[in-house]
């Protein structure tokens, strides 16, 4: 949990909203953002493997679209 007293303390010390977010809130969220990014990458990487197995040697839409330009 994140205490609102830290936000109030930063405002009392003269920080504006952007500075409070950058120096107080964001460091507390950094590990959660990193974990979410890694989880999203792991879940999306599974789709690459499935697409490779199902498409085989055939050209899929993105490469064929790139060659037509």
N, C-alpha and C. Protein backbone atom coordinates (compact mmCIF):
# COMPACT_ATOMS: atom_id res chain seq x y z
N UNK A 1 0.83 -1.19 0.00
CA UNK A 1 0.00 0.00 0.00
C UNK A 1 0.87 1.24 0.00
N UNK A 2 0.31 2.28 -0.55
CA UNK A 2 1.03 3.54 -0.69
C UNK A 2 0.37 4.58 0.20
N UNK A 3 1.14 5.16 1.10
CA UNK A 3 0.59 6.14 2.03
C UNK A 3 0.40 7.50 1.39
N UNK A 4 -0.76 8.06 1.61
CA UNK A 4 -1.02 9.40 1.07
C UNK A 4 -0.25 10.47 1.84
N UNK A 5 0.29 10.10 2.99
CA UNK A 5 1.08 11.06 3.75
C UNK A 5 2.36 11.44 3.01
N UNK A 6 2.89 10.54 2.19
CA UNK A 6 4.08 10.87 1.40
C UNK A 6 3.76 11.93 0.35
N UNK A 7 2.59 11.83 -0.26
CA UNK A 7 2.18 12.83 -1.24
C UNK A 7 1.96 14.17 -0.55
N UNK A 8 1.29 14.14 0.58
CA UNK A 8 1.07 15.38 1.33
C UNK A 8 2.38 16.00 1.77
N UNK A 9 3.33 15.17 2.20
CA UNK A 9 4.63 15.69 2.63
C UNK A 9 5.38 16.33 1.47
N UNK A 10 5.32 15.74 0.30
CA UNK A 10 6.01 16.33 -0.84
C UNK A 10 5.36 17.65 -1.25
N UNK A 11 4.05 17.73 -1.16
CA UNK A 11 3.37 18.99 -1.47
C UNK A 11 3.71 20.05 -0.42
N UNK A 12 3.80 19.64 0.85
CA UNK A 12 4.17 20.58 1.90
C UNK A 12 5.59 21.11 1.72
N UNK A 13 6.46 20.30 1.12
CA UNK A 13 7.84 20.73 0.90
C UNK A 13 8.02 21.54 -0.37
N UNK A 14 6.91 21.79 -1.09
CA UNK A 14 6.96 22.68 -2.24
C UNK A 14 6.97 22.02 -3.60
N UNK A 15 6.78 20.73 -3.66
CA UNK A 15 6.77 20.04 -4.95
C UNK A 15 5.42 20.22 -5.63
N UNK A 16 5.44 20.40 -6.95
CA UNK A 16 4.17 20.46 -7.67
C UNK A 16 3.71 19.04 -8.00
N UNK A 17 2.63 18.91 -8.72
CA UNK A 17 2.07 17.59 -9.01
C UNK A 17 2.98 16.71 -9.83
N UNK A 18 3.65 17.30 -10.82
CA UNK A 18 4.55 16.52 -11.68
C UNK A 18 5.77 16.04 -10.90
N UNK A 19 6.33 16.91 -10.09
CA UNK A 19 7.49 16.52 -9.28
C UNK A 19 7.11 15.45 -8.26
N UNK A 20 5.93 15.58 -7.69
CA UNK A 20 5.46 14.57 -6.74
C UNK A 20 5.32 13.22 -7.43
N UNK A 21 4.75 13.22 -8.62
CA UNK A 21 4.61 11.96 -9.35
C UNK A 21 5.98 11.38 -9.69
N UNK A 22 6.89 12.24 -10.16
CA UNK A 22 8.19 11.75 -10.62
C UNK A 22 9.07 11.24 -9.49
N UNK A 23 9.09 11.93 -8.37
CA UNK A 23 10.03 11.59 -7.31
C UNK A 23 9.42 10.76 -6.18
N UNK A 24 8.11 10.71 -6.07
CA UNK A 24 7.48 9.98 -4.96
C UNK A 24 6.68 8.78 -5.46
N UNK A 25 5.77 9.01 -6.40
CA UNK A 25 4.87 7.94 -6.83
C UNK A 25 5.56 6.96 -7.77
N UNK A 26 6.24 7.46 -8.78
CA UNK A 26 6.86 6.59 -9.79
C UNK A 26 7.88 5.60 -9.22
N UNK A 27 8.75 6.00 -8.30
CA UNK A 27 9.65 5.00 -7.72
C UNK A 27 8.93 3.86 -7.01
N UNK A 28 7.77 4.15 -6.42
CA UNK A 28 7.01 3.09 -5.77
C UNK A 28 6.32 2.18 -6.78
N UNK A 29 6.04 2.70 -7.97
CA UNK A 29 5.37 1.91 -8.99
C UNK A 29 6.34 1.19 -9.92
N UNK A 30 7.62 1.49 -9.84
CA UNK A 30 8.59 0.97 -10.81
C UNK A 30 8.61 -0.56 -10.85
N UNK A 31 8.60 -1.21 -9.71
CA UNK A 31 8.66 -2.67 -9.71
C UNK A 31 7.38 -3.27 -10.29
N UNK A 32 6.24 -2.66 -9.99
CA UNK A 32 4.98 -3.16 -10.54
C UNK A 32 4.92 -2.96 -12.05
N UNK A 33 5.41 -1.84 -12.54
CA UNK A 33 5.43 -1.59 -13.98
C UNK A 33 6.38 -2.56 -14.68
N UNK A 34 7.51 -2.83 -14.08
CA UNK A 34 8.46 -3.79 -14.65
C UNK A 34 7.86 -5.19 -14.70
N UNK A 35 7.21 -5.60 -13.62
CA UNK A 35 6.60 -6.93 -13.58
C UNK A 35 5.47 -7.03 -14.60
N UNK A 36 4.68 -5.98 -14.75
CA UNK A 36 3.61 -5.99 -15.75
C UNK A 36 4.15 -6.06 -17.16
N UNK A 37 5.23 -5.34 -17.43
CA UNK A 37 5.85 -5.39 -18.75
C UNK A 37 6.42 -6.76 -19.07
N UNK A 38 7.04 -7.38 -18.09
CA UNK A 38 7.59 -8.71 -18.31
C UNK A 38 6.49 -9.74 -18.52
N UNK A 39 5.39 -9.61 -17.79
CA UNK A 39 4.27 -10.53 -17.97
C UNK A 39 3.63 -10.35 -19.34
N UNK A 40 3.48 -9.11 -19.77
CA UNK A 40 2.91 -8.85 -21.09
C UNK A 40 3.82 -9.40 -22.19
N UNK A 41 5.13 -9.24 -22.03
CA UNK A 41 6.06 -9.79 -23.02
C UNK A 41 5.99 -11.31 -23.06
N UNK A 42 5.93 -11.93 -21.90
CA UNK A 42 5.87 -13.40 -21.86
C UNK A 42 4.60 -13.92 -22.51
N UNK A 43 3.48 -13.26 -22.26
CA UNK A 43 2.22 -13.70 -22.86
C UNK A 43 2.21 -13.46 -24.37
N UNK A 44 2.77 -12.36 -24.82
CA UNK A 44 2.78 -12.08 -26.25
C UNK A 44 3.80 -12.95 -26.99
N UNK A 45 4.87 -13.35 -26.34
CA UNK A 45 5.87 -14.20 -26.98
C UNK A 45 5.28 -15.56 -27.32
N UNK A 46 4.33 -16.03 -26.53
CA UNK A 46 3.65 -17.29 -26.82
C UNK A 46 2.91 -17.20 -28.15
N UNK A 47 2.35 -16.05 -28.48
CA UNK A 47 1.63 -15.89 -29.74
C UNK A 47 2.58 -15.98 -30.94
N UNK A 48 3.81 -15.53 -30.79
CA UNK A 48 4.79 -15.61 -31.88
C UNK A 48 5.09 -17.07 -32.20
N UNK A 49 5.26 -17.87 -31.18
CA UNK A 49 5.55 -19.29 -31.38
C UNK A 49 4.38 -19.98 -32.06
N UNK A 50 3.16 -19.72 -31.61
CA UNK A 50 1.98 -20.35 -32.20
C UNK A 50 1.84 -19.93 -33.66
N UNK A 51 2.06 -18.66 -33.96
CA UNK A 51 1.96 -18.18 -35.33
C UNK A 51 3.01 -18.83 -36.22
N UNK A 52 4.21 -19.00 -35.71
CA UNK A 52 5.27 -19.65 -36.48
C UNK A 52 4.91 -21.09 -36.81
N UNK A 53 4.33 -21.79 -35.85
CA UNK A 53 3.96 -23.19 -36.09
C UNK A 53 2.80 -23.30 -37.07
N UNK A 54 1.83 -22.41 -36.98
CA UNK A 54 0.64 -22.54 -37.84
C UNK A 54 0.88 -21.98 -39.24
N UNK A 55 1.71 -20.96 -39.38
CA UNK A 55 1.92 -20.36 -40.70
C UNK A 55 2.88 -21.19 -41.56
N UNK A 56 3.83 -21.82 -40.94
CA UNK A 56 4.79 -22.63 -41.69
C UNK A 56 5.67 -21.75 -42.56
N UNK A 57 5.88 -22.18 -43.82
CA UNK A 57 6.74 -21.44 -44.74
C UNK A 57 5.97 -20.41 -45.56
N UNK A 58 4.67 -20.34 -45.38
CA UNK A 58 3.86 -19.39 -46.14
C UNK A 58 4.13 -17.97 -45.66
N UNK A 59 3.98 -17.02 -46.58
CA UNK A 59 4.15 -15.62 -46.23
C UNK A 59 2.87 -15.11 -45.59
N UNK A 60 3.00 -14.51 -44.42
CA UNK A 60 1.83 -13.98 -43.72
C UNK A 60 1.56 -12.56 -44.17
N UNK A 61 0.52 -11.96 -43.66
CA UNK A 61 0.08 -10.65 -44.12
C UNK A 61 1.10 -9.52 -43.90
N UNK A 62 1.70 -9.35 -42.71
CA UNK A 62 2.63 -8.22 -42.55
C UNK A 62 3.81 -8.21 -43.53
N UNK A 63 4.51 -9.34 -43.76
CA UNK A 63 5.59 -9.28 -44.75
C UNK A 63 5.10 -9.01 -46.17
N UNK A 64 3.96 -9.59 -46.53
CA UNK A 64 3.45 -9.36 -47.88
C UNK A 64 3.00 -7.91 -48.05
N UNK A 65 2.47 -7.32 -47.01
CA UNK A 65 2.10 -5.91 -47.07
C UNK A 65 3.33 -5.03 -47.20
N UNK A 66 4.41 -5.40 -46.50
CA UNK A 66 5.65 -4.63 -46.58
C UNK A 66 6.29 -4.72 -47.95
N UNK A 67 6.18 -5.86 -48.62
CA UNK A 67 6.77 -6.00 -49.95
C UNK A 67 5.96 -5.27 -51.01
N UNK A 68 4.66 -5.09 -50.78
CA UNK A 68 3.83 -4.43 -51.78
C UNK A 68 4.02 -2.92 -51.77
N UNK A 69 4.63 -2.38 -50.76
CA UNK A 69 4.80 -0.92 -50.68
C UNK A 69 5.94 -0.49 -51.49
